[in-house]
Amino acid sequence: MVEQNRKSENKVKDISLRVAIAAVRAILMYVLFMLTTMLLSPLFEYMPGIIEMIETFVIVFTVFMILGDLTRGTIFCHFLM
């Protein structure tokens, strides 16, 4: 019974670590996106509509990155990465 509790504690630690890593990576991705858009904002005046496409790409990429981090070590990560 003690060994079963340890396994469940390890699973909780593993999942919480995965969630923390995914959150940190998502925040870094968002910061990188915001810095890039601020630096390239003068160019977006010449290409209307490009910022919406870039935002959509970043959102989809971030979602797949988070799902890939959460499913790391399972068969599902191969579908998402």
N, C-alpha and C. Protein backbone atom coordinates (compact mmCIF):
# COMPACT_ATOMS: atom_id res chain seq x y z
N MET A 1 0.82 -1.18 0.00
CA MET A 1 0.00 0.00 0.00
C MET A 1 0.87 1.26 0.00
N VAL A 2 1.98 1.20 0.70
CA VAL A 2 2.89 2.35 0.73
C VAL A 2 3.47 2.58 -0.66
N GLU A 3 3.78 1.49 -1.36
CA GLU A 3 4.33 1.62 -2.69
C GLU A 3 3.30 2.22 -3.66
N GLN A 4 2.05 1.90 -3.47
CA GLN A 4 1.00 2.46 -4.31
C GLN A 4 0.87 3.97 -4.09
N ASN A 5 1.00 4.41 -2.84
CA ASN A 5 0.96 5.84 -2.55
C ASN A 5 2.14 6.57 -3.18
N ARG A 6 3.30 5.94 -3.19
CA ARG A 6 4.47 6.55 -3.81
C ARG A 6 4.27 6.69 -5.32
N LYS A 7 3.68 5.67 -5.93
CA LYS A 7 3.43 5.75 -7.37
C LYS A 7 2.47 6.88 -7.69
N SER A 8 1.44 7.02 -6.87
CA SER A 8 0.49 8.10 -7.13
C SER A 8 1.13 9.47 -6.88
N GLU A 9 2.00 9.58 -5.88
CA GLU A 9 2.71 10.83 -5.64
C GLU A 9 3.64 11.16 -6.80
N ASN A 10 4.31 10.11 -7.34
CA ASN A 10 5.19 10.33 -8.48
C ASN A 10 4.40 10.80 -9.70
N LYS A 11 3.21 10.24 -9.89
CA LYS A 11 2.38 10.66 -11.02
C LYS A 11 1.94 12.10 -10.86
N VAL A 12 1.58 12.47 -9.65
CA VAL A 12 1.15 13.85 -9.41
C VAL A 12 2.32 14.80 -9.64
N LYS A 13 3.50 14.44 -9.15
CA LYS A 13 4.68 15.28 -9.38
C LYS A 13 5.01 15.37 -10.86
N ASP A 14 4.90 14.25 -11.56
CA ASP A 14 5.21 14.23 -12.98
C ASP A 14 4.23 15.11 -13.76
N ILE A 15 2.95 14.98 -13.47
CA ILE A 15 1.96 15.79 -14.17
C ILE A 15 2.11 17.26 -13.84
N SER A 16 2.34 17.57 -12.56
CA SER A 16 2.50 18.98 -12.19
C SER A 16 3.76 19.57 -12.82
N LEU A 17 4.82 18.79 -12.94
CA LEU A 17 6.03 19.26 -13.61
C LEU A 17 5.77 19.52 -15.08
N ARG A 18 5.03 18.63 -15.73
CA ARG A 18 4.70 18.82 -17.13
C ARG A 18 3.87 20.07 -17.35
N VAL A 19 2.90 20.30 -16.46
CA VAL A 19 2.05 21.49 -16.58
C VAL A 19 2.89 22.74 -16.37
N ALA A 20 3.80 22.71 -15.41
CA ALA A 20 4.65 23.88 -15.14
C ALA A 20 5.56 24.18 -16.34
N ILE A 21 6.14 23.15 -16.91
CA ILE A 21 7.02 23.34 -18.07
C ILE A 21 6.22 23.88 -19.25
N ALA A 22 5.03 23.33 -19.46
CA ALA A 22 4.20 23.81 -20.57
C ALA A 22 3.79 25.26 -20.36
N ALA A 23 3.49 25.63 -19.13
CA ALA A 23 3.10 27.02 -18.85
C ALA A 23 4.27 27.97 -19.08
N VAL A 24 5.45 27.59 -18.64
CA VAL A 24 6.63 28.45 -18.82
C VAL A 24 6.94 28.61 -20.31
N ARG A 25 6.86 27.51 -21.05
CA ARG A 25 7.13 27.60 -22.48
C ARG A 25 6.10 28.44 -23.20
N ALA A 26 4.84 28.34 -22.79
CA ALA A 26 3.78 29.15 -23.41
C ALA A 26 3.99 30.63 -23.11
N ILE A 27 4.38 30.94 -21.90
CA ILE A 27 4.63 32.34 -21.53
C ILE A 27 5.82 32.89 -22.32
N LEU A 28 6.87 32.10 -22.45
CA LEU A 28 8.03 32.55 -23.23
C LEU A 28 7.67 32.75 -24.70
N MET A 29 6.83 31.88 -25.22
CA MET A 29 6.39 32.01 -26.61
C MET A 29 5.58 33.30 -26.78
N TYR A 30 4.72 33.59 -25.83
CA TYR A 30 3.91 34.81 -25.90
C TYR A 30 4.79 36.06 -25.82
N VAL A 31 5.75 36.05 -24.93
CA VAL A 31 6.66 37.20 -24.79
C VAL A 31 7.46 37.40 -26.08
N LEU A 32 7.93 36.30 -26.66
CA LEU A 32 8.67 36.38 -27.92
C LEU A 32 7.79 36.94 -29.03
N PHE A 33 6.55 36.50 -29.07
CA PHE A 33 5.61 37.00 -30.08
C PHE A 33 5.36 38.49 -29.89
N MET A 34 5.16 38.92 -28.66
CA MET A 34 4.89 40.34 -28.41
C MET A 34 6.09 41.21 -28.76
N LEU A 35 7.29 40.76 -28.41
CA LEU A 35 8.49 41.52 -28.75
C LEU A 35 8.68 41.61 -30.27
N THR A 36 8.43 40.51 -30.95
CA THR A 36 8.58 40.50 -32.40
C THR A 36 7.58 41.42 -33.07
N THR A 37 6.33 41.39 -32.61
CA THR A 37 5.33 42.26 -33.23
C THR A 37 5.62 43.73 -32.96
N MET A 38 6.15 44.04 -31.79
CA MET A 38 6.50 45.44 -31.51
C MET A 38 7.63 45.90 -32.42
N LEU A 39 8.61 45.03 -32.64
CA LEU A 39 9.74 45.42 -33.49
C LEU A 39 9.36 45.52 -34.96
N LEU A 40 8.42 44.68 -35.39
CA LEU A 40 8.05 44.65 -36.81
C LEU A 40 6.78 45.43 -37.12
N SER A 41 6.25 46.15 -36.17
CA SER A 41 4.99 46.86 -36.39
C SER A 41 5.04 47.86 -37.54
N PRO A 42 6.15 48.54 -37.81
CA PRO A 42 6.16 49.43 -38.98
C PRO A 42 5.97 48.68 -40.31
N LEU A 43 6.43 47.44 -40.38
CA LEU A 43 6.27 46.67 -41.61
C LEU A 43 4.83 46.19 -41.82
N PHE A 44 4.09 46.03 -40.76
CA PHE A 44 2.72 45.53 -40.87
C PHE A 44 1.79 46.55 -41.53
N GLU A 45 2.20 47.82 -41.58
CA GLU A 45 1.40 48.83 -42.26
C GLU A 45 1.35 48.58 -43.76
N TYR A 46 2.40 48.00 -44.32
CA TYR A 46 2.48 47.76 -45.75
C TYR A 46 1.81 46.44 -46.16
N MET A 47 1.58 45.56 -45.18
CA MET A 47 0.97 44.26 -45.47
C MET A 47 -0.28 44.09 -44.60
N PRO A 48 -1.40 44.62 -45.01
CA PRO A 48 -2.60 44.49 -44.18
C PRO A 48 -3.08 43.04 -44.14
N GLY A 49 -3.48 42.60 -42.97
CA GLY A 49 -3.98 41.24 -42.81
C GLY A 49 -2.93 40.24 -42.39
N ILE A 50 -1.67 40.59 -42.47
CA ILE A 50 -0.61 39.64 -42.13
C ILE A 50 -0.56 39.40 -40.62
N ILE A 51 -0.88 40.39 -39.82
CA ILE A 51 -0.80 40.22 -38.37
C ILE A 51 -1.83 39.21 -37.89
N GLU A 52 -3.01 39.17 -38.53
CA GLU A 52 -4.02 38.20 -38.14
C GLU A 52 -3.56 36.78 -38.45
N MET A 53 -2.89 36.60 -39.59
CA MET A 53 -2.38 35.27 -39.94
C MET A 53 -1.28 34.85 -38.98
N ILE A 54 -0.43 35.77 -38.61
CA ILE A 54 0.66 35.45 -37.69
C ILE A 54 0.09 35.11 -36.31
N GLU A 55 -0.90 35.86 -35.86
CA GLU A 55 -1.52 35.58 -34.56
C GLU A 55 -2.16 34.19 -34.56
N THR A 56 -2.86 33.84 -35.64
CA THR A 56 -3.48 32.52 -35.73
C THR A 56 -2.43 31.42 -35.69
N PHE A 57 -1.34 31.62 -36.42
CA PHE A 57 -0.26 30.64 -36.41
C PHE A 57 0.33 30.47 -35.02
N VAL A 58 0.58 31.57 -34.33
CA VAL A 58 1.17 31.51 -32.99
C VAL A 58 0.23 30.81 -32.02
N ILE A 59 -1.07 31.08 -32.11
CA ILE A 59 -2.04 30.43 -31.22
C ILE A 59 -2.05 28.92 -31.46
N VAL A 60 -2.12 28.51 -32.73
CA VAL A 60 -2.14 27.07 -33.04
C VAL A 60 -0.84 26.41 -32.63
N PHE A 61 0.27 27.07 -32.91
CA PHE A 61 1.58 26.52 -32.53
C PHE A 61 1.70 26.36 -31.02
N THR A 62 1.24 27.35 -30.27
CA THR A 62 1.31 27.29 -28.81
C THR A 62 0.43 26.19 -28.25
N VAL A 63 -0.76 26.01 -28.82
CA VAL A 63 -1.65 24.93 -28.35
C VAL A 63 -1.01 23.58 -28.59
N PHE A 64 -0.45 23.37 -29.77
CA PHE A 64 0.21 22.09 -30.04
C PHE A 64 1.46 21.90 -29.19
N MET A 65 2.17 22.98 -28.90
CA MET A 65 3.34 22.89 -28.04
C MET A 65 2.94 22.47 -26.63
N ILE A 66 1.87 23.06 -26.10
CA ILE A 66 1.40 22.70 -24.75
C ILE A 66 0.91 21.26 -24.73
N LEU A 67 0.14 20.87 -25.72
CA LEU A 67 -0.35 19.48 -25.77
C LEU A 67 0.80 18.50 -25.92
N GLY A 68 1.81 18.86 -26.69
CA GLY A 68 2.99 18.01 -26.84
C GLY A 68 3.75 17.86 -25.53
N ASP A 69 3.85 18.95 -24.76
CA ASP A 69 4.52 18.88 -23.47
C ASP A 69 3.74 18.02 -22.48
N LEU A 70 2.43 18.15 -22.51
CA LEU A 70 1.61 17.38 -21.56
C LEU A 70 1.58 15.89 -21.89
N THR A 71 1.74 15.54 -23.15
CA THR A 71 1.68 14.13 -23.54
C THR A 71 3.06 13.53 -23.77
N ARG A 72 4.10 14.22 -23.35
CA ARG A 72 5.45 13.71 -23.54
C ARG A 72 5.62 12.37 -22.82
N GLY A 73 6.23 11.43 -23.49
CA GLY A 73 6.46 10.12 -22.92
C GLY A 73 5.32 9.14 -23.19
N THR A 74 4.33 9.58 -23.94
CA THR A 74 3.22 8.70 -24.31
C THR A 74 3.17 8.56 -25.82
N ILE A 75 2.31 7.71 -26.29
CA ILE A 75 2.19 7.52 -27.74
C ILE A 75 1.56 8.75 -28.40
N PHE A 76 0.78 9.51 -27.65
CA PHE A 76 0.08 10.65 -28.21
C PHE A 76 1.03 11.80 -28.57
N CYS A 77 2.18 11.85 -27.95
CA CYS A 77 3.11 12.96 -28.26
C CYS A 77 3.60 12.87 -29.70
N HIS A 78 3.62 11.68 -30.28
CA HIS A 78 4.07 11.54 -31.66
C HIS A 78 3.06 12.12 -32.64
N PHE A 79 1.81 12.21 -32.25
CA PHE A 79 0.81 12.83 -33.10
C PHE A 79 0.86 14.35 -33.02
N LEU A 80 1.36 14.87 -31.91
CA LEU A 80 1.31 16.31 -31.67
C LEU A 80 2.62 17.02 -31.92
N MET A 81 3.72 16.31 -31.99
CA MET A 81 5.01 16.96 -32.16
C MET A 81 5.51 16.80 -33.57
